[in-house]
Amino acid sequence: MTKPQLFGLYAITPDWNDTSRLLEATEAILRAGCHIVQYRNKQASDDHRQKQALALRDLTRAFDARLIINDDLELALYCAADGVHLGEADGQLAAARLRLDAAGPGRILGASCYQSLPLALAAADAGADYLAFGSFFASPTKPLAERAEPALITAAKLETGLPVCAIGGITPDNAGGLVAAGADLVAVISALYDAPAPYQAALNFTQLFTT
């Protein structure tokens, strides 16, 4: 079983404890053509996170989409997610690679590389499947995050050959330059889940990859 192509809109969930609201918005985003969702909730209890992750696992399967768990390998394995995304302080990438491979073929490992090409090279050597850089713009999720430059996307793709994900304050209006620089994925929270109509917001992003 080969890994799926990593391309297009990458939806990241907000810290919503209302599971029904979360599933309703995520379903709209999936209907608009999003094929990869990352579950991220920094505020909920472990029990609630398990319940939400399992619910999202069922929903993404219904749309033949991929579910990635943010910063929690144990939760990813518990809910049989398609993979995990780890930051610099979230555990050893190489160890996570081994455990994902042991859980079954095709599991995805993503790595936050912030504004650092050396981190990206190390992540690639450790077995990451995609590399995430940011923040490219001011972000309500991480307002104090340092900025990354679009040239980093181009350099990382040239050096590693891996898919690159851009994150941080991305909207349909500013994402085009990142896609032009070579971003395979644009990761979005607020511009999707805080939008009046998540379906239309997601459609605006997915169209960037089809035109």
C-alpha atoms as a PDB file:
ATOM      1  CA  MET A   1       0.000   0.000   0.000  1.00  0.00           C
ATOM      2  CA  THR A   2       1.530   3.276  -1.103  1.00  0.00           C
ATOM      3  CA  LYS A   3       1.105   6.561   0.679  1.00  0.00           C
ATOM      4  CA  PRO A   4      -1.538   8.927  -0.707  1.00  0.00           C
ATOM      5  CA  GLN A   5      -0.550  11.975  -2.673  1.00  0.00           C
ATOM      6  CA  LEU A   6      -0.226  14.962  -0.375  1.00  0.00           C
ATOM      7  CA  PHE A   7      -1.677  17.902  -2.239  1.00  0.00           C
ATOM      8  CA  GLY A   8      -4.214  20.672  -1.843  1.00  0.00           C
ATOM      9  CA  LEU A   9      -6.103  22.061   1.118  1.00  0.00           C
ATOM     10  CA  TYR A  10      -5.063  20.736   4.541  1.00  0.00           C
ATOM     11  CA  ALA A  11      -7.761  21.535   7.109  1.00  0.00           C
ATOM     12  CA  ILE A  12      -6.691  21.819  10.754  1.00  0.00           C
ATOM     13  CA  THR A  13      -9.393  21.744  13.392  1.00  0.00           C
ATOM     14  CA  PRO A  14      -9.798  24.487  16.018  1.00  0.00           C
ATOM     15  CA  ASP A  15     -10.114  24.028  19.793  1.00  0.00           C
ATOM     16  CA  TRP A  16     -13.853  23.332  19.723  1.00  0.00           C
ATOM     17  CA  ASN A  17     -15.280  21.094  22.417  1.00  0.00           C
ATOM     18  CA  ASP A  18     -18.661  21.017  20.669  1.00  0.00           C
ATOM     19  CA  THR A  19     -18.225  17.830  18.658  1.00  0.00           C
ATOM     20  CA  SER A  20     -21.405  18.246  16.627  1.00  0.00           C
ATOM     21  CA  ARG A  21     -20.312  21.706  15.516  1.00  0.00           C
ATOM     22  CA  LEU A  22     -16.847  20.389  14.692  1.00  0.00           C
ATOM     23  CA  LEU A  23     -18.184  17.520  12.595  1.00  0.00           C
ATOM     24  CA  GLU A  24     -20.683  19.718  10.761  1.00  0.00           C
ATOM     25  CA  ALA A  25     -18.021  22.219   9.718  1.00  0.00           C
ATOM     26  CA  THR A  26     -15.522  19.490   8.813  1.00  0.00           C
ATOM     27  CA  GLU A  27     -18.070  17.677   6.678  1.00  0.00           C
ATOM     28  CA  ALA A  28     -18.727  20.881   4.738  1.00  0.00           C
ATOM     29  CA  ILE A  29     -14.993  21.324   4.199  1.00  0.00           C
ATOM     30  CA  LEU A  30     -14.638  17.733   2.981  1.00  0.00           C
ATOM     31  CA  ARG A  31     -17.571  18.138   0.610  1.00  0.00           C
ATOM     32  CA  ALA A  32     -15.728  21.060  -0.969  1.00  0.00           C
ATOM     33  CA  GLY A  33     -12.858  18.789  -1.989  1.00  0.00           C
ATOM     34  CA  CYS A  34     -10.485  18.782   0.995  1.00  0.00           C
ATOM     35  CA  HIS A  35      -8.758  15.393   1.284  1.00  0.00           C
ATOM     36  CA  ILE A  36      -6.673  15.762   4.442  1.00  0.00           C
ATOM     37  CA  VAL A  37      -7.720  16.860   7.942  1.00  0.00           C
ATOM     38  CA  GLN A  38      -5.536  17.333  11.000  1.00  0.00           C
ATOM     39  CA  TYR A  39      -7.168  16.967  14.396  1.00  0.00           C
ATOM     40  CA  ARG A  40      -5.772  19.548  16.776  1.00  0.00           C
ATOM     41  CA  ASN A  41      -7.325  20.393  20.130  1.00  0.00           C
ATOM     42  CA  LYS A  42      -5.040  21.779  22.831  1.00  0.00           C
ATOM     43  CA  GLN A  43      -7.776  22.374  25.422  1.00  0.00           C
ATOM     44  CA  ALA A  44      -9.959  19.264  25.623  1.00  0.00           C
ATOM     45  CA  SER A  45      -9.461  16.403  28.060  1.00  0.00           C
ATOM     46  CA  ASP A  46      -7.808  13.207  26.888  1.00  0.00           C
ATOM     47  CA  ASP A  47     -11.148  11.393  26.950  1.00  0.00           C
ATOM     48  CA  HIS A  48     -12.868  14.081  24.885  1.00  0.00           C
ATOM     49  CA  ARG A  49      -9.994  14.171  22.409  1.00  0.00           C
ATOM     50  CA  GLN A  50     -10.298  10.416  21.948  1.00  0.00           C
ATOM     51  CA  LYS A  51     -14.012  10.723  21.229  1.00  0.00           C
ATOM     52  CA  GLN A  52     -13.534  13.579  18.763  1.00  0.00           C
ATOM     53  CA  ALA A  53     -10.669  11.796  17.005  1.00  0.00           C
ATOM     54  CA  LEU A  54     -12.741   8.634  16.551  1.00  0.00           C
ATOM     55  CA  ALA A  55     -15.671  10.663  15.204  1.00  0.00           C
ATOM     56  CA  LEU A  56     -13.390  12.437  12.739  1.00  0.00           C
ATOM     57  CA  ARG A  57     -11.876   9.089  11.771  1.00  0.00           C
ATOM     58  CA  ASP A  58     -15.322   7.852  10.725  1.00  0.00           C
ATOM     59  CA  LEU A  59     -16.125  11.091   8.908  1.00  0.00           C
ATOM     60  CA  THR A  60     -12.901  11.241   6.930  1.00  0.00           C
ATOM     61  CA  ARG A  61     -13.255   7.605   5.919  1.00  0.00           C
ATOM     62  CA  ALA A  62     -16.711   8.360   4.541  1.00  0.00           C
ATOM     63  CA  PHE A  63     -15.103  10.930   2.230  1.00  0.00           C
ATOM     64  CA  ASP A  64     -12.015   8.830   1.434  1.00  0.00           C
ATOM     65  CA  ALA A  65      -9.948  11.540   3.131  1.00  0.00           C
ATOM     66  CA  ARG A  66      -6.940  11.265   5.425  1.00  0.00           C
ATOM     67  CA  LEU A  67      -6.925  12.022   9.156  1.00  0.00           C
ATOM     68  CA  ILE A  68      -3.702  13.231  10.767  1.00  0.00           C
ATOM     69  CA  ILE A  69      -3.368  13.731  14.537  1.00  0.00           C
ATOM     70  CA  ASN A  70      -1.469  16.749  15.821  1.00  0.00           C
ATOM     71  CA  ASP A  71       1.369  16.211  18.309  1.00  0.00           C
ATOM     72  CA  ASP A  72       0.074  12.928  19.773  1.00  0.00           C
ATOM     73  CA  LEU A  73       1.368   9.650  18.391  1.00  0.00           C
ATOM     74  CA  GLU A  74      -0.507   7.603  20.995  1.00  0.00           C
ATOM     75  CA  LEU A  75      -3.820   9.148  19.991  1.00  0.00           C
ATOM     76  CA  ALA A  76      -3.039   8.587  16.322  1.00  0.00           C
ATOM     77  CA  LEU A  77      -2.430   4.909  16.978  1.00  0.00           C
ATOM     78  CA  TYR A  78      -5.470   4.633  19.262  1.00  0.00           C
ATOM     79  CA  CYS A  79      -7.915   5.891  16.642  1.00  0.00           C
ATOM     80  CA  ALA A  80      -6.156   4.240  13.677  1.00  0.00           C
ATOM     81  CA  ALA A  81      -5.514   7.619  12.077  1.00  0.00           C
ATOM     82  CA  ASP A  82      -3.645   7.868   8.798  1.00  0.00           C
ATOM     83  CA  GLY A  83      -0.731   9.576  10.477  1.00  0.00           C
ATOM     84  CA  VAL A  84       0.656  12.053  12.952  1.00  0.00           C
ATOM     85  CA  HIS A  85       2.158  15.530  12.734  1.00  0.00           C
ATOM     86  CA  LEU A  86       4.938  16.330  15.188  1.00  0.00           C
ATOM     87  CA  GLY A  87       6.592  19.567  16.226  1.00  0.00           C
ATOM     88  CA  GLU A  88      10.176  19.937  17.364  1.00  0.00           C
ATOM     89  CA  ALA A  89       9.273  19.207  20.996  1.00  0.00           C
ATOM     90  CA  ASP A  90       6.740  16.428  20.373  1.00  0.00           C
ATOM     91  CA  GLY A  91       8.961  13.385  20.182  1.00  0.00           C
ATOM     92  CA  GLN A  92      11.597  11.752  18.027  1.00  0.00           C
ATOM     93  CA  LEU A  93      10.604  11.594  14.374  1.00  0.00           C
ATOM     94  CA  ALA A  94      12.621   8.442  13.708  1.00  0.00           C
ATOM     95  CA  ALA A  95      10.967   6.620  16.610  1.00  0.00           C
ATOM     96  CA  ALA A  96       7.540   7.764  15.440  1.00  0.00           C
ATOM     97  CA  ARG A  97       8.363   6.522  11.931  1.00  0.00           C
ATOM     98  CA  LEU A  98       9.093   3.056  13.280  1.00  0.00           C
ATOM     99  CA  ARG A  99       5.884   2.893  15.299  1.00  0.00           C
ATOM    100  CA  LEU A 100       3.742   4.146  12.426  1.00  0.00           C
ATOM    101  CA  ASP A 101       5.251   1.576  10.083  1.00  0.00           C
ATOM    102  CA  ALA A 102       4.629  -1.155  12.646  1.00  0.00           C
ATOM    103  CA  ALA A 103       0.966  -0.123  12.828  1.00  0.00           C
ATOM    104  CA  GLY A 104       0.449  -0.737   9.135  1.00  0.00           C
ATOM    105  CA  PRO A 105       1.502   0.410   5.676  1.00  0.00           C
ATOM    106  CA  GLY A 106       0.928   3.874   4.296  1.00  0.00           C
ATOM    107  CA  ARG A 107       0.975   5.832   7.556  1.00  0.00           C
ATOM    108  CA  ILE A 108       1.945   9.498   7.189  1.00  0.00           C
ATOM    109  CA  LEU A 109       4.502  11.389   9.287  1.00  0.00           C
ATOM    110  CA  GLY A 110       4.511  15.175   9.082  1.00  0.00           C
ATOM    111  CA  ALA A 111       7.078  17.463  10.674  1.00  0.00           C
ATOM    112  CA  SER A 112       7.004  21.122  11.686  1.00  0.00           C
ATOM    113  CA  CYS A 113      10.152  22.796  10.406  1.00  0.00           C
ATOM    114  CA  TYR A 114       9.189  26.383  11.295  1.00  0.00           C
ATOM    115  CA  GLN A 115      11.610  28.668   9.408  1.00  0.00           C
ATOM    116  CA  SER A 116      14.515  26.203   9.260  1.00  0.00           C
ATOM    117  CA  LEU A 117      15.878  24.357   6.254  1.00  0.00           C
ATOM    118  CA  PRO A 118      18.307  22.345   8.463  1.00  0.00           C
ATOM    119  CA  LEU A 119      15.331  21.102  10.497  1.00  0.00           C
ATOM    120  CA  ALA A 120      13.648  20.078   7.254  1.00  0.00           C
ATOM    121  CA  LEU A 121      16.713  18.147   6.094  1.00  0.00           C
ATOM    122  CA  ALA A 122      16.892  16.344   9.435  1.00  0.00           C
ATOM    123  CA  ALA A 123      13.170  15.542   9.305  1.00  0.00           C
ATOM    124  CA  ALA A 124      13.536  14.126   5.815  1.00  0.00           C
ATOM    125  CA  ASP A 125      16.401  11.911   6.997  1.00  0.00           C
ATOM    126  CA  ALA A 126      14.242  10.715   9.922  1.00  0.00           C
ATOM    127  CA  GLY A 127      11.486   9.542   7.593  1.00  0.00           C
ATOM    128  CA  ALA A 128       9.028  12.441   7.396  1.00  0.00           C
ATOM    129  CA  ASP A 129       6.566  12.315   4.516  1.00  0.00           C
ATOM    130  CA  TYR A 130       5.976  16.053   4.337  1.00  0.00           C
ATOM    131  CA  LEU A 131       7.563  19.194   5.755  1.00  0.00           C
ATOM    132  CA  ALA A 132       5.612  22.118   7.200  1.00  0.00           C
ATOM    133  CA  PHE A 133       6.910  25.692   7.306  1.00  0.00           C
ATOM    134  CA  GLY A 134       5.430  28.835   8.818  1.00  0.00           C
ATOM    135  CA  SER A 135       4.132  31.175   9.903  1.00  0.00           C
ATOM    136  CA  PHE A 136       3.909  32.910   6.545  1.00  0.00           C
ATOM    137  CA  PHE A 137       1.393  35.514   7.685  1.00  0.00           C
ATOM    138  CA  ALA A 138      -0.050  36.832  10.927  1.00  0.00           C
ATOM    139  CA  SER A 139      -2.031  34.028  12.529  1.00  0.00           C
ATOM    140  CA  PRO A 140      -4.717  34.238  15.228  1.00  0.00           C
ATOM    141  CA  THR A 141      -3.716  30.737  16.368  1.00  0.00           C
ATOM    142  CA  LYS A 142      -0.051  31.649  16.925  1.00  0.00           C
ATOM    143  CA  PRO A 143       0.147  35.462  16.821  1.00  0.00           C
ATOM    144  CA  LEU A 144       3.755  35.607  18.036  1.00  0.00           C
ATOM    145  CA  ALA A 145       5.170  33.052  15.602  1.00  0.00           C
ATOM    146  CA  GLU A 146       8.170  34.103  13.544  1.00  0.00           C
ATOM    147  CA  ARG A 147       7.725  34.522   9.804  1.00  0.00           C
ATOM    148  CA  ALA A 148       8.891  32.145   7.097  1.00  0.00           C
ATOM    149  CA  GLU A 149       9.723  33.250   3.571  1.00  0.00           C
ATOM    150  CA  PRO A 150       8.243  31.644   0.414  1.00  0.00           C
ATOM    151  CA  ALA A 151      11.765  30.976  -0.867  1.00  0.00           C
ATOM    152  CA  LEU A 152      12.065  28.379   1.897  1.00  0.00           C
ATOM    153  CA  ILE A 153       9.357  26.302   0.226  1.00  0.00           C
ATOM    154  CA  THR A 154      11.274  26.218  -3.049  1.00  0.00           C
ATOM    155  CA  ALA A 155      14.558  25.390  -1.327  1.00  0.00           C
ATOM    156  CA  ALA A 156      13.074  22.564   0.746  1.00  0.00           C
ATOM    157  CA  LYS A 157      11.473  20.929  -2.267  1.00  0.00           C
ATOM    158  CA  LEU A 158      14.740  21.170  -4.194  1.00  0.00           C
ATOM    159  CA  GLU A 159      16.811  19.732  -1.330  1.00  0.00           C
ATOM    160  CA  THR A 160      14.476  16.946  -0.159  1.00  0.00           C
ATOM    161  CA  GLY A 161      12.004  16.174  -2.931  1.00  0.00           C
ATOM    162  CA  LEU A 162       9.272  15.915  -0.277  1.00  0.00           C
ATOM    163  CA  PRO A 163       5.873  17.645  -0.311  1.00  0.00           C
ATOM    164  CA  VAL A 164       5.900  20.974   1.486  1.00  0.00           C
ATOM    165  CA  CYS A 165       3.061  22.377   3.579  1.00  0.00           C
ATOM    166  CA  ALA A 166       2.645  26.112   4.241  1.00  0.00           C
ATOM    167  CA  ILE A 167       0.886  27.274   7.396  1.00  0.00           C
ATOM    168  CA  GLY A 168       0.140  30.461   9.284  1.00  0.00           C
ATOM    169  CA  GLY A 169      -2.494  33.071   8.559  1.00  0.00           C
ATOM    170  CA  ILE A 170      -3.258  31.671   5.113  1.00  0.00           C
ATOM    171  CA  THR A 171      -6.353  32.901   3.254  1.00  0.00           C
ATOM    172  CA  PRO A 172      -7.572  32.393  -0.322  1.00  0.00           C
ATOM    173  CA  ASP A 173      -6.217  35.874  -1.098  1.00  0.00           C
ATOM    174  CA  ASN A 174      -2.638  35.244   0.026  1.00  0.00           C
ATOM    175  CA  ALA A 175      -2.257  31.516  -0.653  1.00  0.00           C
ATOM    176  CA  GLY A 176      -1.583  31.907  -4.373  1.00  0.00           C
ATOM    177  CA  GLY A 177       1.979  33.104  -3.895  1.00  0.00           C
ATOM    178  CA  LEU A 178       2.771  30.131  -1.670  1.00  0.00           C
ATOM    179  CA  VAL A 179       1.352  27.689  -4.211  1.00  0.00           C
ATOM    180  CA  ALA A 180       3.401  29.448  -6.907  1.00  0.00           C
ATOM    181  CA  ALA A 181       6.517  28.997  -4.742  1.00  0.00           C
ATOM    182  CA  GLY A 182       5.847  25.261  -4.709  1.00  0.00           C
ATOM    183  CA  ALA A 183       3.643  24.593  -1.693  1.00  0.00           C
ATOM    184  CA  ASP A 184       1.904  21.250  -2.174  1.00  0.00           C
ATOM    185  CA  LEU A 185      -0.375  21.822   0.820  1.00  0.00           C
ATOM    186  CA  VAL A 186      -1.803  24.899   2.500  1.00  0.00           C
ATOM    187  CA  ALA A 187      -2.798  24.287   6.106  1.00  0.00           C
ATOM    188  CA  VAL A 188      -5.698  26.408   7.332  1.00  0.00           C
ATOM    189  CA  ILE A 189      -7.638  26.778  10.591  1.00  0.00           C
ATOM    190  CA  SER A 190      -9.311  30.155  11.049  1.00  0.00           C
ATOM    191  CA  ALA A 191     -10.055  30.951   7.407  1.00  0.00           C
ATOM    192  CA  LEU A 192     -12.023  27.697   7.254  1.00  0.00           C
ATOM    193  CA  TYR A 193     -13.619  27.087  10.624  1.00  0.00           C
ATOM    194  CA  ASP A 194     -14.323  30.731  11.481  1.00  0.00           C
ATOM    195  CA  ALA A 195     -15.749  31.454   8.042  1.00  0.00           C
ATOM    196  CA  PRO A 196     -19.519  32.150   7.771  1.00  0.00           C
ATOM    197  CA  ALA A 197     -19.735  29.323   5.214  1.00  0.00           C
ATOM    198  CA  PRO A 198     -16.960  26.705   5.629  1.00  0.00           C
ATOM    199  CA  TYR A 199     -17.984  24.938   2.405  1.00  0.00           C
ATOM    200  CA  GLN A 200     -17.457  28.048   0.281  1.00  0.00           C
ATOM    201  CA  ALA A 201     -14.274  28.941   2.134  1.00  0.00           C
ATOM    202  CA  ALA A 202     -12.869  25.473   1.463  1.00  0.00           C
ATOM    203  CA  LEU A 203     -13.937  25.648  -2.168  1.00  0.00           C
ATOM    204  CA  ASN A 204     -12.032  28.908  -2.564  1.00  0.00           C
ATOM    205  CA  PHE A 205      -8.894  27.110  -1.406  1.00  0.00           C
ATOM    206  CA  THR A 206      -9.340  23.898  -3.404  1.00  0.00           C
ATOM    207  CA  GLN A 207      -9.803  25.915  -6.577  1.00  0.00           C
ATOM    208  CA  LEU A 208      -6.277  27.281  -6.152  1.00  0.00           C
ATOM    209  CA  PHE A 209      -4.996  23.792  -6.905  1.00  0.00           C
ATOM    210  CA  THR A 210      -7.186  23.156  -9.940  1.00  0.00           C
ATOM    211  CA  THR A 211      -6.646  26.349 -11.946  1.00  0.00           C
END
